[in-house]
Amino acid sequence: MSLVRRVTLTKAQRSTAAGQELIGLLVDLSEDGMVTREEMERLRAWLEVDRGIDFAACPFLYEIVDQIASDGEITEEELDQLALGIERVLPSDVRVAASRRRRELREAKKREVMERRVRERGDRDQMRARLSAARQHAKPLHRTDYWVAGACRSEERREACEKVVVGDTVDLEREPDNRHDENAILILSVEGDTLGYVPRGEAAQMAPLLDTGAEYEATIKRIWERDDGNIVPIVVSVLRHSGARQALDGLRSQLPAIKPVIRRTAAKSTQSSAAPPPAAVDAQDSPATATRGGGCLTACLVLVLILALA
């Protein structure tokens, strides 16, 4: 049967000046129901002073403090362990109040953690909903590729078309007052030269979107060289709601950074497993070892010849 270590301050110890000072310190440390790192250092400093007393509580508390600080890392669980040790040292009438405060603080922390998790979950759900709506809003309203209509109509257009290359961006400019087609969309190079027009079928779908403020991205997808040698660019264009991409990128930038997961593994030997052992390295690379091996072989051959001649 193991004996329980008695460390609670006795009435006689409480009546001494050191006992009253220790109780006052421990009550002060546990006043808010928890012990901080700074408070632990205060307790260590008090215990390290020789006051000429023989309280079982002092080595008991010092062992706990020393064990907590031994690895250089102090966790909340270890500080809670110290709080329990302090309660064990305190007289019963003082211990009840300290224990109650610690339990109340622990429950308050649990409630705080749960409330924070609920808030964070709600924030995440709200962010997901906003991202989903932003992605939906940023989807293309219209996407198609088409040849530049009227690219060969004039010398200026033919020369402009010969200058463009695949990947070049082009500008789309509405011409609502065009007398041939009210949906006309002019295609211009980055230098501002006229290449031609968007074909009527595509223009009829794109013009209303551009007129209501849609943004566009248009680039040269490929170059078509006709049989007569003229160049006709093929354009690909994408139309989206104005500012939709910027809004989506802005929301994405608000997402919390994902911390990399660091997995702790056992220390590996600095010697590569694929490398030969030192003995094998010496046998392969040491000239002295190679010479010794060659000398042994020569001696064996001479001995065989002597025996044969004999």
Protein backbone atom coordinates (compact mmCIF):
# COMPACT_ATOMS: atom_id res chain seq x y z
CA MET A 1 0.00 0.00 0.00
CA SER A 2 1.60 3.29 -1.10
CA LEU A 3 1.57 6.27 1.22
CA VAL A 4 0.19 9.59 -0.01
CA ARG A 5 2.75 12.37 0.30
CA ARG A 6 1.47 14.96 2.80
CA VAL A 7 2.34 18.42 1.55
CA THR A 8 -0.56 20.55 2.83
CA LEU A 9 0.59 23.31 5.16
CA THR A 10 -0.17 22.43 8.78
CA LYS A 11 -1.61 24.78 11.39
CA ALA A 12 1.83 25.15 12.95
CA GLN A 13 3.37 26.04 9.61
CA ARG A 14 0.56 28.48 8.83
CA SER A 15 1.27 30.36 12.06
CA THR A 16 4.89 31.11 11.06
CA ALA A 17 5.90 34.20 9.11
CA ALA A 18 7.20 32.07 6.24
CA GLY A 19 3.99 30.04 6.19
CA GLN A 20 1.81 33.14 6.04
CA GLU A 21 4.04 34.61 3.31
CA LEU A 22 3.84 31.39 1.27
CA ILE A 23 0.06 31.19 1.63
CA GLY A 24 -0.27 34.83 0.59
CA LEU A 25 1.89 34.20 -2.47
CA LEU A 26 -0.01 31.04 -3.47
CA VAL A 27 -3.39 32.76 -3.00
CA ASP A 28 -2.18 35.66 -5.12
CA LEU A 29 -0.97 33.29 -7.86
CA SER A 30 -4.26 31.37 -7.94
CA GLU A 31 -6.51 34.43 -7.49
CA ASP A 32 -7.71 34.37 -11.11
CA GLY A 33 -7.97 30.58 -11.28
CA MET A 34 -4.83 30.11 -13.37
CA VAL A 35 -1.05 30.36 -13.14
CA THR A 36 0.95 32.22 -15.78
CA ARG A 37 4.61 31.77 -16.74
CA GLU A 38 5.55 34.97 -14.93
CA GLU A 39 3.77 33.80 -11.79
CA MET A 40 5.59 30.48 -11.95
CA GLU A 41 8.90 32.36 -12.00
CA ARG A 42 7.79 34.37 -8.96
CA LEU A 43 7.11 31.12 -7.13
CA ARG A 44 10.46 29.65 -8.17
CA ALA A 45 12.27 32.77 -6.93
CA TRP A 46 10.52 32.51 -3.54
CA LEU A 47 11.30 28.81 -3.17
CA GLU A 48 14.99 29.28 -4.00
CA VAL A 49 15.52 31.59 -1.03
CA ASP A 50 16.72 29.79 2.13
CA ARG A 51 14.31 30.81 4.86
CA GLY A 52 15.40 28.17 7.38
CA ILE A 53 12.10 26.28 7.18
CA ASP A 54 11.34 22.62 6.69
CA PHE A 55 7.99 22.62 4.89
CA ALA A 56 7.22 19.54 2.80
CA ALA A 57 5.29 21.88 0.50
CA CYS A 58 8.45 23.70 -0.63
CA PRO A 59 10.34 20.77 -2.27
CA PHE A 60 7.01 19.50 -3.60
CA LEU A 61 6.27 22.76 -5.40
CA TYR A 62 9.89 23.16 -6.53
CA GLU A 63 9.86 19.69 -8.11
CA ILE A 64 6.78 20.63 -10.14
CA VAL A 65 8.29 23.96 -11.25
CA ASP A 66 11.63 22.35 -12.11
CA GLN A 67 9.96 19.56 -14.08
CA ILE A 68 7.87 22.07 -16.06
CA ALA A 69 10.87 24.26 -16.92
CA SER A 70 13.30 21.40 -17.61
CA ASP A 71 12.53 21.05 -21.34
CA GLY A 72 12.46 24.80 -22.05
CA GLU A 73 8.82 24.67 -23.16
CA ILE A 74 5.94 25.58 -20.88
CA THR A 75 2.48 24.45 -21.94
CA GLU A 76 -0.94 25.39 -20.63
CA GLU A 77 -1.40 21.82 -19.38
CA GLU A 78 1.79 22.07 -17.33
CA LEU A 79 0.68 25.37 -15.80
CA ASP A 80 -2.63 23.75 -14.95
CA GLN A 81 -0.67 20.96 -13.26
CA LEU A 82 1.12 23.60 -11.18
CA ALA A 83 -2.24 25.13 -10.21
CA LEU A 84 -3.36 21.73 -8.96
CA GLY A 85 -0.15 21.43 -6.96
CA ILE A 86 -0.73 24.84 -5.39
CA GLU A 87 -4.26 23.80 -4.40
CA ARG A 88 -2.87 20.68 -2.77
CA VAL A 89 -0.47 22.76 -0.64
CA LEU A 90 -3.07 25.31 0.46
CA PRO A 91 -5.06 24.67 3.65
CA SER A 92 -8.50 23.23 3.07
CA ASP A 93 -10.41 26.43 3.75
CA VAL A 94 -8.32 28.36 1.22
CA ARG A 95 -8.11 25.45 -1.22
CA VAL A 96 -11.87 25.33 -1.77
CA ALA A 97 -12.00 28.88 -3.08
CA ALA A 98 -8.92 28.40 -5.29
CA SER A 99 -10.29 25.16 -6.72
CA ARG A 100 -13.66 26.80 -7.43
CA ARG A 101 -12.03 29.69 -9.28
CA ARG A 102 -9.93 27.31 -11.37
CA ARG A 103 -12.98 25.25 -12.34
CA GLU A 104 -14.95 28.37 -13.19
CA LEU A 105 -12.10 29.65 -15.34
CA ARG A 106 -11.79 26.31 -17.10
CA GLU A 107 -15.51 26.29 -17.90
CA ALA A 108 -15.31 29.89 -19.11
CA LYS A 109 -12.40 28.94 -21.39
CA LYS A 110 -14.35 26.02 -22.78
CA ARG A 111 -17.31 28.27 -23.51
CA GLU A 112 -15.02 30.83 -25.12
CA VAL A 113 -13.39 28.18 -27.31
CA MET A 114 -16.77 26.80 -28.37
CA GLU A 115 -18.13 30.26 -29.12
CA ARG A 116 -15.01 31.12 -31.13
CA ARG A 117 -15.31 27.91 -33.11
CA VAL A 118 -18.96 28.66 -33.84
CA ARG A 119 -18.02 32.16 -35.01
CA GLU A 120 -15.16 30.85 -37.13
CA ARG A 121 -17.40 28.19 -38.65
CA GLY A 122 -19.98 30.85 -39.46
CA ASP A 123 -17.30 33.08 -40.97
CA ARG A 124 -16.03 30.19 -43.09
CA ASP A 125 -19.52 29.33 -44.28
CA GLN A 126 -20.15 32.96 -45.13
CA MET A 127 -16.86 33.21 -47.00
CA ARG A 128 -17.61 30.01 -48.93
CA ALA A 129 -21.01 31.42 -49.90
CA ARG A 130 -19.43 34.69 -51.03
CA LEU A 131 -16.76 32.85 -53.00
CA SER A 132 -19.35 30.62 -54.64
CA ALA A 133 -21.41 33.64 -55.64
CA ALA A 134 -18.29 35.46 -56.88
CA ARG A 135 -17.20 32.44 -58.95
CA GLN A 136 -20.65 32.20 -60.47
CA HIS A 137 -20.63 35.92 -61.23
CA ALA A 138 -17.15 35.68 -62.78
CA LYS A 139 -18.11 32.92 -65.21
CA PRO A 140 -17.96 33.97 -68.87
CA LEU A 141 -21.15 35.49 -70.24
CA HIS A 142 -19.99 34.72 -73.76
CA ARG A 143 -16.97 32.93 -75.19
CA THR A 144 -16.23 32.19 -78.83
CA ASP A 145 -13.58 32.42 -81.51
CA TYR A 146 -14.06 33.88 -84.97
CA TRP A 147 -12.20 35.13 -88.02
CA VAL A 148 -11.80 38.86 -88.54
CA ALA A 149 -14.44 39.90 -91.05
CA GLY A 150 -13.29 42.35 -93.73
CA ALA A 151 -9.61 41.81 -93.00
CA CYS A 152 -8.69 41.99 -96.67
CA ARG A 153 -11.01 44.84 -97.65
CA SER A 154 -8.30 47.52 -97.76
CA GLU A 155 -4.55 47.78 -98.04
CA GLU A 156 -4.35 49.30 -94.54
CA ARG A 157 -6.22 46.36 -93.01
CA ARG A 158 -4.13 43.79 -94.85
CA GLU A 159 -0.92 45.42 -93.63
CA ALA A 160 -2.25 45.60 -90.07
CA CYS A 161 -3.25 41.90 -90.13
CA GLU A 162 0.23 40.91 -91.32
CA LYS A 163 1.77 42.55 -88.25
CA VAL A 164 -0.14 40.63 -85.58
CA VAL A 165 1.06 37.34 -84.12
CA VAL A 166 -0.57 34.60 -82.08
CA GLY A 167 -1.10 35.72 -78.49
CA ASP A 168 -1.44 39.43 -79.26
CA THR A 169 -4.27 41.18 -77.46
CA VAL A 170 -6.78 43.12 -79.53
CA ASP A 171 -9.34 45.78 -78.66
CA LEU A 172 -13.04 45.56 -79.35
CA GLU A 173 -14.82 48.83 -80.08
CA ARG A 174 -18.58 49.18 -80.48
CA GLU A 175 -19.97 51.08 -83.45
CA PRO A 176 -23.68 51.47 -82.63
CA ASP A 177 -24.04 54.10 -85.34
CA ASN A 178 -22.69 51.83 -88.08
CA ARG A 179 -25.12 52.20 -91.01
CA HIS A 180 -24.68 48.57 -92.10
CA ASP A 181 -25.10 46.88 -88.70
CA GLU A 182 -26.12 48.46 -85.37
CA ASN A 183 -24.35 45.57 -83.57
CA ALA A 184 -21.04 46.26 -85.34
CA ILE A 185 -17.90 45.66 -83.26
CA LEU A 186 -14.61 46.93 -84.63
CA ILE A 187 -11.42 44.93 -83.97
CA LEU A 188 -8.25 46.98 -83.40
CA SER A 189 -4.64 45.95 -82.82
CA VAL A 190 -2.78 47.16 -79.73
CA GLU A 191 -1.27 49.88 -81.92
CA GLY A 192 -4.75 51.09 -82.78
CA ASP A 193 -4.77 49.83 -86.38
CA THR A 194 -8.06 48.54 -87.76
CA LEU A 195 -8.01 44.79 -88.45
CA GLY A 196 -11.69 44.35 -89.35
CA TYR A 197 -14.97 43.51 -87.62
CA VAL A 198 -16.52 40.78 -85.51
CA PRO A 199 -18.73 38.66 -87.81
CA ARG A 200 -22.41 39.62 -87.70
CA GLY A 201 -23.60 36.43 -85.97
CA GLU A 202 -21.19 36.78 -83.05
CA ALA A 203 -21.64 40.56 -82.95
CA ALA A 204 -25.40 40.16 -82.45
CA GLN A 205 -24.71 38.19 -79.24
CA MET A 206 -21.79 40.26 -77.98
CA ALA A 207 -23.05 43.81 -78.65
CA PRO A 208 -25.86 43.81 -76.03
CA LEU A 209 -23.42 42.54 -73.39
CA LEU A 210 -20.82 45.16 -74.23
CA ASP A 211 -23.48 47.86 -74.22
CA THR A 212 -24.47 46.93 -70.65
CA GLY A 213 -20.88 47.24 -69.39
CA ALA A 214 -19.46 43.75 -69.82
CA GLU A 215 -15.66 43.44 -69.78
CA TYR A 216 -13.84 41.52 -72.48
CA GLU A 217 -10.58 39.74 -73.11
CA ALA A 218 -9.66 39.23 -76.76
CA THR A 219 -6.49 37.74 -78.23
CA ILE A 220 -5.21 36.36 -81.51
CA LYS A 221 -5.74 32.60 -81.36
CA ARG A 222 -4.17 31.69 -84.70
CA ILE A 223 -3.32 33.08 -88.12
CA TRP A 224 -5.09 31.87 -91.26
CA GLU A 225 -3.23 32.33 -94.52
CA ARG A 226 -5.65 32.19 -97.43
CA ASP A 227 -4.90 30.71 -100.82
CA ASP A 228 -4.46 34.19 -102.24
CA GLY A 229 -1.72 34.90 -99.66
CA ASN A 230 -3.76 37.28 -97.52
CA ILE A 231 -3.63 36.94 -93.73
CA VAL A 232 -6.83 36.61 -91.72
CA PRO A 233 -6.42 36.54 -87.90
CA ILE A 234 -8.62 34.26 -85.79
CA VAL A 235 -9.69 35.94 -82.55
CA VAL A 236 -10.90 34.36 -79.31
CA SER A 237 -12.87 36.60 -76.95
CA VAL A 238 -14.37 36.18 -73.49
CA LEU A 239 -17.00 38.52 -72.03
CA ARG A 240 -17.66 38.77 -68.27
CA HIS A 241 -19.52 40.98 -65.82
CA SER A 242 -17.61 44.18 -65.14
CA GLY A 243 -15.27 43.82 -62.14
CA ALA A 244 -16.21 40.18 -61.55
CA ARG A 245 -12.65 38.87 -61.81
CA GLN A 246 -11.27 41.60 -59.57
CA ALA A 247 -13.95 40.92 -56.96
CA LEU A 248 -13.16 37.19 -57.01
CA ASP A 249 -9.42 37.82 -56.70
CA GLY A 250 -10.10 40.20 -53.81
CA LEU A 251 -12.08 37.56 -51.94
CA ARG A 252 -9.40 34.95 -52.55
CA SER A 253 -6.77 37.28 -51.12
CA GLN A 254 -8.79 37.44 -47.87
CA LEU A 255 -8.58 33.68 -47.35
CA PRO A 256 -6.28 32.77 -44.45
CA ALA A 257 -2.94 31.38 -45.47
CA ILE A 258 -2.64 27.61 -45.16
CA LYS A 259 0.16 26.69 -42.83
CA PRO A 260 2.33 23.82 -43.98
CA VAL A 261 2.05 20.66 -41.91
CA ILE A 262 5.41 19.82 -40.33
CA ARG A 263 5.74 16.14 -39.62
CA ARG A 264 8.28 15.19 -37.00
CA THR A 265 10.34 12.19 -37.98
CA ALA A 266 13.10 10.33 -36.24
CA ALA A 267 16.59 11.61 -36.92
CA LYS A 268 18.19 9.81 -39.81
CA SER A 269 21.80 8.86 -40.13
CA THR A 270 23.86 11.36 -42.10
CA GLN A 271 25.30 8.49 -44.11
CA SER A 272 23.25 7.64 -47.19
CA SER A 273 21.78 4.17 -47.24
CA ALA A 274 22.85 3.86 -50.85
CA ALA A 275 26.49 4.63 -50.01
CA PRO A 276 28.82 1.69 -49.35
CA PRO A 277 30.11 1.19 -45.79
CA PRO A 278 33.50 2.73 -44.91
CA ALA A 279 35.26 -0.58 -45.35
CA ALA A 280 33.91 -0.91 -48.88
CA VAL A 281 34.93 2.67 -49.71
CA ASP A 282 38.45 2.01 -48.49
CA ALA A 283 38.63 -1.22 -50.45
CA GLN A 284 37.52 0.52 -53.62
CA ASP A 285 39.31 3.86 -53.38
CA SER A 286 42.45 3.38 -51.25
CA PRO A 287 45.61 2.91 -53.40
CA ALA A 288 47.43 1.34 -50.44
CA THR A 289 44.75 -1.33 -50.08
CA ALA A 290 44.85 -2.05 -53.81
CA THR A 291 48.65 -2.40 -53.67
CA ARG A 292 48.47 -4.80 -50.74
CA GLY A 293 45.91 -6.90 -52.60
CA GLY A 294 48.11 -6.99 -55.71
CA GLY A 295 51.18 -7.99 -53.67
CA CYS A 296 49.38 -10.97 -52.13
CA LEU A 297 48.30 -12.19 -55.54
CA THR A 298 51.87 -11.99 -56.91
CA ALA A 299 53.27 -13.93 -53.93
CA CYS A 300 50.71 -16.69 -54.46
CA LEU A 301 51.64 -17.02 -58.14
CA VAL A 302 55.38 -17.27 -57.32
CA LEU A 303 54.68 -19.96 -54.72
CA VAL A 304 52.68 -21.98 -57.23
CA LEU A 305 55.52 -21.79 -59.80
CA ILE A 306 58.11 -22.93 -57.23
CA LEU A 307 55.99 -25.91 -56.25
CA ALA A 308 55.44 -26.82 -59.93
CA LEU A 309 59.17 -26.70 -60.74
CA ALA A 310 59.99 -28.75 -57.67
